[in-house]
PDB file of all heavy atoms in Angstrom:
ATOM      1  N   ARG A   1      -2.618   7.581   0.598  1.00  0.00           N
ATOM      2  CA  ARG A   1      -2.799   6.276   1.235  1.00  0.00           C
ATOM      3  C   ARG A   1      -1.492   5.487   1.213  1.00  0.00           C
ATOM      4  O   ARG A   1      -1.104   4.886   2.219  1.00  0.00           O
ATOM      5  CB  ARG A   1      -3.905   5.501   0.523  1.00  0.00           C
ATOM      6  CG  ARG A   1      -5.301   6.066   0.740  1.00  0.00           C
ATOM      7  CD  ARG A   1      -6.292   5.490  -0.245  1.00  0.00           C
ATOM      8  NE  ARG A   1      -6.350   4.043  -0.159  1.00  0.00           N
ATOM      9  CZ  ARG A   1      -6.868   3.272  -1.118  1.00  0.00           C
ATOM     10  NH1 ARG A   1      -7.339   3.807  -2.232  1.00  0.00           N
ATOM     11  NH2 ARG A   1      -6.898   1.978  -0.961  1.00  0.00           N
ATOM     12  N   ILE A   2      -0.818   5.492   0.081  1.00  0.00           N
ATOM     13  CA  ILE A   2       0.458   4.774  -0.040  1.00  0.00           C
ATOM     14  C   ILE A   2       1.476   5.347   0.935  1.00  0.00           C
ATOM     15  O   ILE A   2       2.181   4.609   1.625  1.00  0.00           O
ATOM     16  CB  ILE A   2       0.988   4.849  -1.490  1.00  0.00           C
ATOM     17  CG1 ILE A   2       0.067   4.061  -2.423  1.00  0.00           C
ATOM     18  CG2 ILE A   2       2.421   4.315  -1.572  1.00  0.00           C
ATOM     19  CD1 ILE A   2       0.404   4.203  -3.899  1.00  0.00           C
ATOM     20  N   GLN A   3       1.538   6.666   0.994  1.00  0.00           N
ATOM     21  CA  GLN A   3       2.477   7.346   1.901  1.00  0.00           C
ATOM     22  C   GLN A   3       2.210   6.953   3.355  1.00  0.00           C
ATOM     23  O   GLN A   3       3.150   6.666   4.111  1.00  0.00           O
ATOM     24  CB  GLN A   3       2.326   8.859   1.726  1.00  0.00           C
ATOM     25  CG  GLN A   3       3.216   9.690   2.632  1.00  0.00           C
ATOM     26  CD  GLN A   3       2.940  11.188   2.477  1.00  0.00           C
ATOM     27  OE1 GLN A   3       2.559  11.648   1.403  1.00  0.00           O
ATOM     28  NE2 GLN A   3       3.104  11.935   3.547  1.00  0.00           N
ATOM     29  N   ARG A   4       0.948   6.898   3.741  1.00  0.00           N
ATOM     30  CA  ARG A   4       0.592   6.540   5.122  1.00  0.00           C
ATOM     31  C   ARG A   4       1.000   5.112   5.455  1.00  0.00           C
ATOM     32  O   ARG A   4       1.532   4.839   6.532  1.00  0.00           O
ATOM     33  CB  ARG A   4      -0.915   6.702   5.327  1.00  0.00           C
ATOM     34  CG  ARG A   4      -1.386   8.143   5.412  1.00  0.00           C
ATOM     35  CD  ARG A   4      -2.894   8.182   5.436  1.00  0.00           C
ATOM     36  NE  ARG A   4      -3.409   9.539   5.518  1.00  0.00           N
ATOM     37  CZ  ARG A   4      -4.648   9.888   5.185  1.00  0.00           C
ATOM     38  NH1 ARG A   4      -5.502   8.956   4.756  1.00  0.00           N
ATOM     39  NH2 ARG A   4      -5.048  11.142   5.282  1.00  0.00           N
ATOM     40  N   VAL A   5       0.727   4.201   4.533  1.00  0.00           N
ATOM     41  CA  VAL A   5       1.039   2.795   4.793  1.00  0.00           C
ATOM     42  C   VAL A   5       2.544   2.582   4.888  1.00  0.00           C
ATOM     43  O   VAL A   5       3.020   1.833   5.749  1.00  0.00           O
ATOM     44  CB  VAL A   5       0.434   1.880   3.705  1.00  0.00           C
ATOM     45  CG1 VAL A   5       0.833   0.428   3.948  1.00  0.00           C
ATOM     46  CG2 VAL A   5      -1.089   2.000   3.688  1.00  0.00           C
ATOM     47  N   LEU A   6       3.308   3.256   4.042  1.00  0.00           N
ATOM     48  CA  LEU A   6       4.765   3.119   4.080  1.00  0.00           C
ATOM     49  C   LEU A   6       5.335   3.644   5.395  1.00  0.00           C
ATOM     50  O   LEU A   6       6.301   3.087   5.933  1.00  0.00           O
ATOM     51  CB  LEU A   6       5.403   3.852   2.896  1.00  0.00           C
ATOM     52  CG  LEU A   6       5.152   3.234   1.507  1.00  0.00           C
ATOM     53  CD1 LEU A   6       5.736   4.117   0.411  1.00  0.00           C
ATOM     54  CD2 LEU A   6       5.741   1.835   1.428  1.00  0.00           C
ATOM     55  N   GLN A   7       4.720   4.692   5.927  1.00  0.00           N
ATOM     56  CA  GLN A   7       5.151   5.223   7.222  1.00  0.00           C
ATOM     57  C   GLN A   7       4.733   4.305   8.366  1.00  0.00           C
ATOM     58  O   GLN A   7       5.477   4.118   9.332  1.00  0.00           O
ATOM     59  CB  GLN A   7       4.563   6.623   7.436  1.00  0.00           C
ATOM     60  CG  GLN A   7       5.161   7.681   6.520  1.00  0.00           C
ATOM     61  CD  GLN A   7       4.483   9.038   6.664  1.00  0.00           C
ATOM     62  OE1 GLN A   7       3.404   9.144   7.241  1.00  0.00           O
ATOM     63  NE2 GLN A   7       5.109  10.074   6.138  1.00  0.00           N
ATOM     64  N   ARG A   8       3.549   3.717   8.242  1.00  0.00           N
ATOM     65  CA  ARG A   8       3.006   2.854   9.286  1.00  0.00           C
ATOM     66  C   ARG A   8       3.658   1.469   9.296  1.00  0.00           C
ATOM     67  O   ARG A   8       3.919   0.905  10.359  1.00  0.00           O
ATOM     68  CB  ARG A   8       1.491   2.705   9.076  1.00  0.00           C
ATOM     69  CG  ARG A   8       0.757   1.898  10.115  1.00  0.00           C
ATOM     70  CD  ARG A   8      -0.663   1.633   9.665  1.00  0.00           C
ATOM     71  NE  ARG A   8      -0.724   0.666   8.567  1.00  0.00           N
ATOM     72  CZ  ARG A   8      -1.811   0.438   7.835  1.00  0.00           C
ATOM     73  NH1 ARG A   8      -2.913   1.132   8.053  1.00  0.00           N
ATOM     74  NH2 ARG A   8      -1.794  -0.464   6.868  1.00  0.00           N
ATOM     75  N   ASP A   9       3.890   0.931   8.100  1.00  0.00           N
ATOM     76  CA  ASP A   9       4.427  -0.435   7.956  1.00  0.00           C
ATOM     77  C   ASP A   9       5.767  -0.393   7.223  1.00  0.00           C
ATOM     78  O   ASP A   9       5.823  -0.613   6.006  1.00  0.00           O
ATOM     79  CB  ASP A   9       3.442  -1.308   7.171  1.00  0.00           C
ATOM     80  CG  ASP A   9       2.056  -1.338   7.809  1.00  0.00           C
ATOM     81  OD1 ASP A   9       1.962  -1.135   9.031  1.00  0.00           O
ATOM     82  OD2 ASP A   9       1.081  -1.579   7.077  1.00  0.00           O
ATOM     83  N   PRO A  10       6.856  -0.111   7.940  1.00  0.00           N
ATOM     84  CA  PRO A  10       8.164   0.002   7.279  1.00  0.00           C
ATOM     85  C   PRO A  10       8.635  -1.282   6.618  1.00  0.00           C
ATOM     86  O   PRO A  10       9.541  -1.241   5.777  1.00  0.00           O
ATOM     87  CB  PRO A  10       9.100   0.407   8.442  1.00  0.00           C
ATOM     88  CG  PRO A  10       8.378  -0.002   9.684  1.00  0.00           C
ATOM     89  CD  PRO A  10       6.925   0.141   9.376  1.00  0.00           C
ATOM     90  N   GLN A  11       8.021  -2.417   6.970  1.00  0.00           N
ATOM     91  CA  GLN A  11       8.431  -3.682   6.360  1.00  0.00           C
ATOM     92  C   GLN A  11       7.898  -3.828   4.939  1.00  0.00           C
ATOM     93  O   GLN A  11       8.341  -4.705   4.192  1.00  0.00           O
ATOM     94  CB  GLN A  11       7.955  -4.874   7.213  1.00  0.00           C
ATOM     95  CG  GLN A  11       6.459  -5.191   7.125  1.00  0.00           C
ATOM     96  CD  GLN A  11       5.594  -4.326   8.021  1.00  0.00           C
ATOM     97  OE1 GLN A  11       6.059  -3.330   8.567  1.00  0.00           O
ATOM     98  NE2 GLN A  11       4.336  -4.705   8.184  1.00  0.00           N
ATOM     99  N   ARG A  12       6.969  -2.948   4.555  1.00  0.00           N
ATOM    100  CA  ARG A  12       6.402  -3.005   3.208  1.00  0.00           C
ATOM    101  C   ARG A  12       7.079  -1.994   2.305  1.00  0.00           C
ATOM    102  O   ARG A  12       7.508  -0.931   2.747  1.00  0.00           O
ATOM    103  CB  ARG A  12       4.899  -2.716   3.237  1.00  0.00           C
ATOM    104  CG  ARG A  12       4.048  -3.820   3.837  1.00  0.00           C
ATOM    105  CD  ARG A  12       2.577  -3.524   3.616  1.00  0.00           C
ATOM    106  NE  ARG A  12       1.743  -4.669   3.934  1.00  0.00           N
ATOM    107  CZ  ARG A  12       0.738  -4.663   4.785  1.00  0.00           C
ATOM    108  NH1 ARG A  12       0.427  -3.540   5.414  1.00  0.00           N
ATOM    109  NH2 ARG A  12       0.018  -5.737   5.012  1.00  0.00           N
ATOM    110  N   ASP A  13       7.145  -2.316   1.003  1.00  0.00           N
ATOM    111  CA  ASP A  13       7.653  -1.347   0.038  1.00  0.00           C
ATOM    112  C   ASP A  13       6.493  -0.857  -0.826  1.00  0.00           C
ATOM    113  O   ASP A  13       5.376  -1.372  -0.740  1.00  0.00           O
ATOM    114  CB  ASP A  13       8.779  -1.935  -0.820  1.00  0.00           C
ATOM    115  CG  ASP A  13       8.359  -3.178  -1.601  1.00  0.00           C
ATOM    116  OD1 ASP A  13       7.181  -3.268  -2.010  1.00  0.00           O
ATOM    117  OD2 ASP A  13       9.211  -4.066  -1.812  1.00  0.00           O
ATOM    118  N   ARG A  14       6.747   0.147  -1.645  1.00  0.00           N
ATOM    119  CA  ARG A  14       5.689   0.766  -2.444  1.00  0.00           C
ATOM    120  C   ARG A  14       4.987  -0.257  -3.348  1.00  0.00           C
ATOM    121  O   ARG A  14       3.757  -0.237  -3.487  1.00  0.00           O
ATOM    122  CB  ARG A  14       6.283   1.898  -3.284  1.00  0.00           C
ATOM    123  CG  ARG A  14       5.266   2.602  -4.177  1.00  0.00           C
ATOM    124  CD  ARG A  14       5.898   3.784  -4.869  1.00  0.00           C
ATOM    125  NE  ARG A  14       6.225   4.823  -3.920  1.00  0.00           N
ATOM    126  CZ  ARG A  14       5.377   5.798  -3.551  1.00  0.00           C
ATOM    127  NH1 ARG A  14       4.157   5.856  -4.076  1.00  0.00           N
ATOM    128  NH2 ARG A  14       5.747   6.713  -2.696  1.00  0.00           N
ATOM    129  N   LYS A  15       5.757  -1.151  -3.939  1.00  0.00           N
ATOM    130  CA  LYS A  15       5.169  -2.136  -4.852  1.00  0.00           C
ATOM    131  C   LYS A  15       4.171  -3.027  -4.127  1.00  0.00           C
ATOM    132  O   LYS A  15       3.092  -3.325  -4.655  1.00  0.00           O
ATOM    133  CB  LYS A  15       6.277  -2.990  -5.475  1.00  0.00           C
ATOM    134  CG  LYS A  15       5.763  -3.992  -6.508  1.00  0.00           C
ATOM    135  CD  LYS A  15       6.903  -4.783  -7.123  1.00  0.00           C
ATOM    136  CE  LYS A  15       6.377  -5.797  -8.136  1.00  0.00           C
ATOM    137  NZ  LYS A  15       7.485  -6.606  -8.727  1.00  0.00           N
ATOM    138  N   GLN A  16       4.510  -3.446  -2.919  1.00  0.00           N
ATOM    139  CA  GLN A  16       3.612  -4.297  -2.131  1.00  0.00           C
ATOM    140  C   GLN A  16       2.313  -3.570  -1.804  1.00  0.00           C
ATOM    141  O   GLN A  16       1.226  -4.157  -1.894  1.00  0.00           O
ATOM    142  CB  GLN A  16       4.308  -4.739  -0.844  1.00  0.00           C
ATOM    143  CG  GLN A  16       5.431  -5.745  -1.044  1.00  0.00           C
ATOM    144  CD  GLN A  16       6.165  -6.055   0.247  1.00  0.00           C
ATOM    145  OE1 GLN A  16       6.377  -5.167   1.077  1.00  0.00           O
ATOM    146  NE2 GLN A  16       6.546  -7.301   0.441  1.00  0.00           N
ATOM    147  N   VAL A  17       2.430  -2.307  -1.427  1.00  0.00           N
ATOM    148  CA  VAL A  17       1.233  -1.524  -1.087  1.00  0.00           C
ATOM    149  C   VAL A  17       0.355  -1.344  -2.318  1.00  0.00           C
ATOM    150  O   VAL A  17      -0.877  -1.485  -2.249  1.00  0.00           O
ATOM    151  CB  VAL A  17       1.622  -0.152  -0.501  1.00  0.00           C
ATOM    152  CG1 VAL A  17       0.367   0.668  -0.181  1.00  0.00           C
ATOM    153  CG2 VAL A  17       2.463  -0.325   0.761  1.00  0.00           C
ATOM    154  N   GLU A  18       0.960  -1.070  -3.455  1.00  0.00           N
ATOM    155  CA  GLU A  18       0.190  -0.894  -4.694  1.00  0.00           C
ATOM    156  C   GLU A  18      -0.508  -2.194  -5.087  1.00  0.00           C
ATOM    157  O   GLU A  18      -1.627  -2.171  -5.615  1.00  0.00           O
ATOM    158  CB  GLU A  18       1.104  -0.409  -5.813  1.00  0.00           C
ATOM    159  CG  GLU A  18       1.560   1.048  -5.623  1.00  0.00           C
ATOM    160  CD  GLU A  18       2.465   1.539  -6.737  1.00  0.00           C
ATOM    161  OE1 GLU A  18       3.047   0.685  -7.433  1.00  0.00           O
ATOM    162  OE2 GLU A  18       2.582   2.765  -6.888  1.00  0.00           O
ATOM    163  N   GLN A  19       0.138  -3.326  -4.827  1.00  0.00           N
ATOM    164  CA  GLN A  19      -0.481  -4.621  -5.134  1.00  0.00           C
ATOM    165  C   GLN A  19      -1.713  -4.854  -4.267  1.00  0.00           C
ATOM    166  O   GLN A  19      -2.730  -5.371  -4.745  1.00  0.00           O
ATOM    167  CB  GLN A  19       0.536  -5.758  -4.928  1.00  0.00           C
ATOM    168  CG  GLN A  19       1.602  -5.819  -6.006  1.00  0.00           C
ATOM    169  CD  GLN A  19       2.655  -6.891  -5.726  1.00  0.00           C
ATOM    170  OE1 GLN A  19       2.840  -7.317  -4.590  1.00  0.00           O
ATOM    171  NE2 GLN A  19       3.341  -7.331  -6.766  1.00  0.00           N
ATOM    172  N   ILE A  20      -1.629  -4.460  -2.987  1.00  0.00           N
ATOM    173  CA  ILE A  20      -2.775  -4.593  -2.089  1.00  0.00           C
ATOM    174  C   ILE A  20      -3.927  -3.719  -2.580  1.00  0.00           C
ATOM    175  O   ILE A  20      -5.083  -4.154  -2.628  1.00  0.00           O
ATOM    176  CB  ILE A  20      -2.388  -4.207  -0.647  1.00  0.00           C
ATOM    177  CG1 ILE A  20      -1.376  -5.211  -0.080  1.00  0.00           C
ATOM    178  CG2 ILE A  20      -3.627  -4.139   0.249  1.00  0.00           C
ATOM    179  CD1 ILE A  20      -0.794  -4.796   1.255  1.00  0.00           C
ATOM    180  N   ILE A  21      -3.613  -2.489  -2.968  1.00  0.00           N
ATOM    181  CA  ILE A  21      -4.638  -1.562  -3.458  1.00  0.00           C
ATOM    182  C   ILE A  21      -5.306  -2.102  -4.717  1.00  0.00           C
ATOM    183  O   ILE A  21      -6.526  -2.009  -4.890  1.00  0.00           O
ATOM    184  CB  ILE A  21      -4.023  -0.170  -3.714  1.00  0.00           C
ATOM    185  CG1 ILE A  21      -3.656   0.491  -2.376  1.00  0.00           C
ATOM    186  CG2 ILE A  21      -4.993   0.724  -4.497  1.00  0.00           C
ATOM    187  CD1 ILE A  21      -2.936   1.814  -2.524  1.00  0.00           C
ATOM    188  N   GLN A  22      -4.516  -2.701  -5.597  1.00  0.00           N
ATOM    189  CA  GLN A  22      -5.049  -3.248  -6.848  1.00  0.00           C
ATOM    190  C   GLN A  22      -6.031  -4.386  -6.604  1.00  0.00           C
ATOM    191  O   GLN A  22      -6.962  -4.608  -7.392  1.00  0.00           O
ATOM    192  CB  GLN A  22      -3.901  -3.727  -7.741  1.00  0.00           C
ATOM    193  CG  GLN A  22      -3.098  -2.595  -8.373  1.00  0.00           C
ATOM    194  CD  GLN A  22      -1.859  -3.082  -9.099  1.00  0.00           C
ATOM    195  OE1 GLN A  22      -1.593  -4.280  -9.192  1.00  0.00           O
ATOM    196  NE2 GLN A  22      -1.074  -2.145  -9.619  1.00  0.00           N
ATOM    197  N   LYS A  23      -5.840  -5.110  -5.498  1.00  0.00           N
ATOM    198  CA  LYS A  23      -6.722  -6.235  -5.187  1.00  0.00           C
ATOM    199  C   LYS A  23      -8.032  -5.774  -4.568  1.00  0.00           C
ATOM    200  O   LYS A  23      -9.001  -6.537  -4.523  1.00  0.00           O
ATOM    201  CB  LYS A  23      -6.014  -7.208  -4.236  1.00  0.00           C
ATOM    202  CG  LYS A  23      -4.871  -7.981  -4.899  1.00  0.00           C
ATOM    203  CD  LYS A  23      -4.204  -8.920  -3.906  1.00  0.00           C
ATOM    204  CE  LYS A  23      -3.047  -9.670  -4.553  1.00  0.00           C
ATOM    205  NZ  LYS A  23      -2.346 -10.558  -3.581  1.00  0.00           N
ATOM    206  N   GLN A  24      -8.049  -4.538  -4.073  1.00  0.00           N
ATOM    207  CA  GLN A  24      -9.269  -4.001  -3.471  1.00  0.00           C
ATOM    208  C   GLN A  24     -10.122  -3.324  -4.534  1.00  0.00           C
ATOM    209  O   GLN A  24      -9.615  -2.869  -5.559  1.00  0.00           O
ATOM    210  CB  GLN A  24      -8.920  -3.008  -2.356  1.00  0.00           C
ATOM    211  CG  GLN A  24      -8.180  -3.654  -1.182  1.00  0.00           C
ATOM    212  CD  GLN A  24      -7.808  -2.662  -0.093  1.00  0.00           C
ATOM    213  OE1 GLN A  24      -7.692  -1.473  -0.324  1.00  0.00           O
ATOM    214  NE2 GLN A  24      -7.606  -3.170   1.113  1.00  0.00           N
ATOM    215  N   LEU A  25     -11.410  -3.267  -4.273  1.00  0.00           N
ATOM    216  CA  LEU A  25     -12.334  -2.639  -5.210  1.00  0.00           C
ATOM    217  C   LEU A  25     -11.973  -1.168  -5.394  1.00  0.00           C
ATOM    218  O   LEU A  25     -11.711  -0.465  -4.404  1.00  0.00           O
ATOM    219  CB  LEU A  25     -13.755  -2.759  -4.667  1.00  0.00           C
ATOM    220  CG  LEU A  25     -14.914  -2.535  -5.648  1.00  0.00           C
ATOM    221  CD1 LEU A  25     -14.949  -3.636  -6.692  1.00  0.00           C
ATOM    222  CD2 LEU A  25     -16.232  -2.496  -4.878  1.00  0.00           C
ATOM    223  N   PRO A  26     -11.929  -0.670  -6.633  1.00  0.00           N
ATOM    224  CA  PRO A  26     -11.580   0.735  -6.865  1.00  0.00           C
ATOM    225  C   PRO A  26     -12.534   1.688  -6.155  1.00  0.00           C
ATOM    226  O   PRO A  26     -13.727   1.405  -6.025  1.00  0.00           O
ATOM    227  CB  PRO A  26     -11.700   0.881  -8.390  1.00  0.00           C
ATOM    228  CG  PRO A  26     -11.553  -0.499  -8.926  1.00  0.00           C
ATOM    229  CD  PRO A  26     -12.161  -1.400  -7.889  1.00  0.00           C
ATOM    230  N   GLU A  27     -12.005   2.813  -5.706  1.00  0.00           N
ATOM    231  CA  GLU A  27     -12.812   3.788  -4.967  1.00  0.00           C
ATOM    232  C   GLU A  27     -14.009   4.269  -5.794  1.00  0.00           C
ATOM    233  O   GLU A  27     -15.081   4.507  -5.256  1.00  0.00           O
ATOM    234  CB  GLU A  27     -11.943   4.992  -4.573  1.00  0.00           C
ATOM    235  CG  GLU A  27     -10.769   4.647  -3.678  1.00  0.00           C
ATOM    236  CD  GLU A  27     -11.211   4.078  -2.342  1.00  0.00           C
ATOM    237  OE1 GLU A  27     -11.629   4.861  -1.481  1.00  0.00           O
ATOM    238  OE2 GLU A  27     -11.131   2.858  -2.164  1.00  0.00           O
TER     239      GLU A  27
END
């Protein structure tokens, strides 16, 4: 998921994506 988002949204970095994931309910 992180890999996909980084490819899709180049303006985001790994830390930002991980922060978004942390705010969402765990799978």
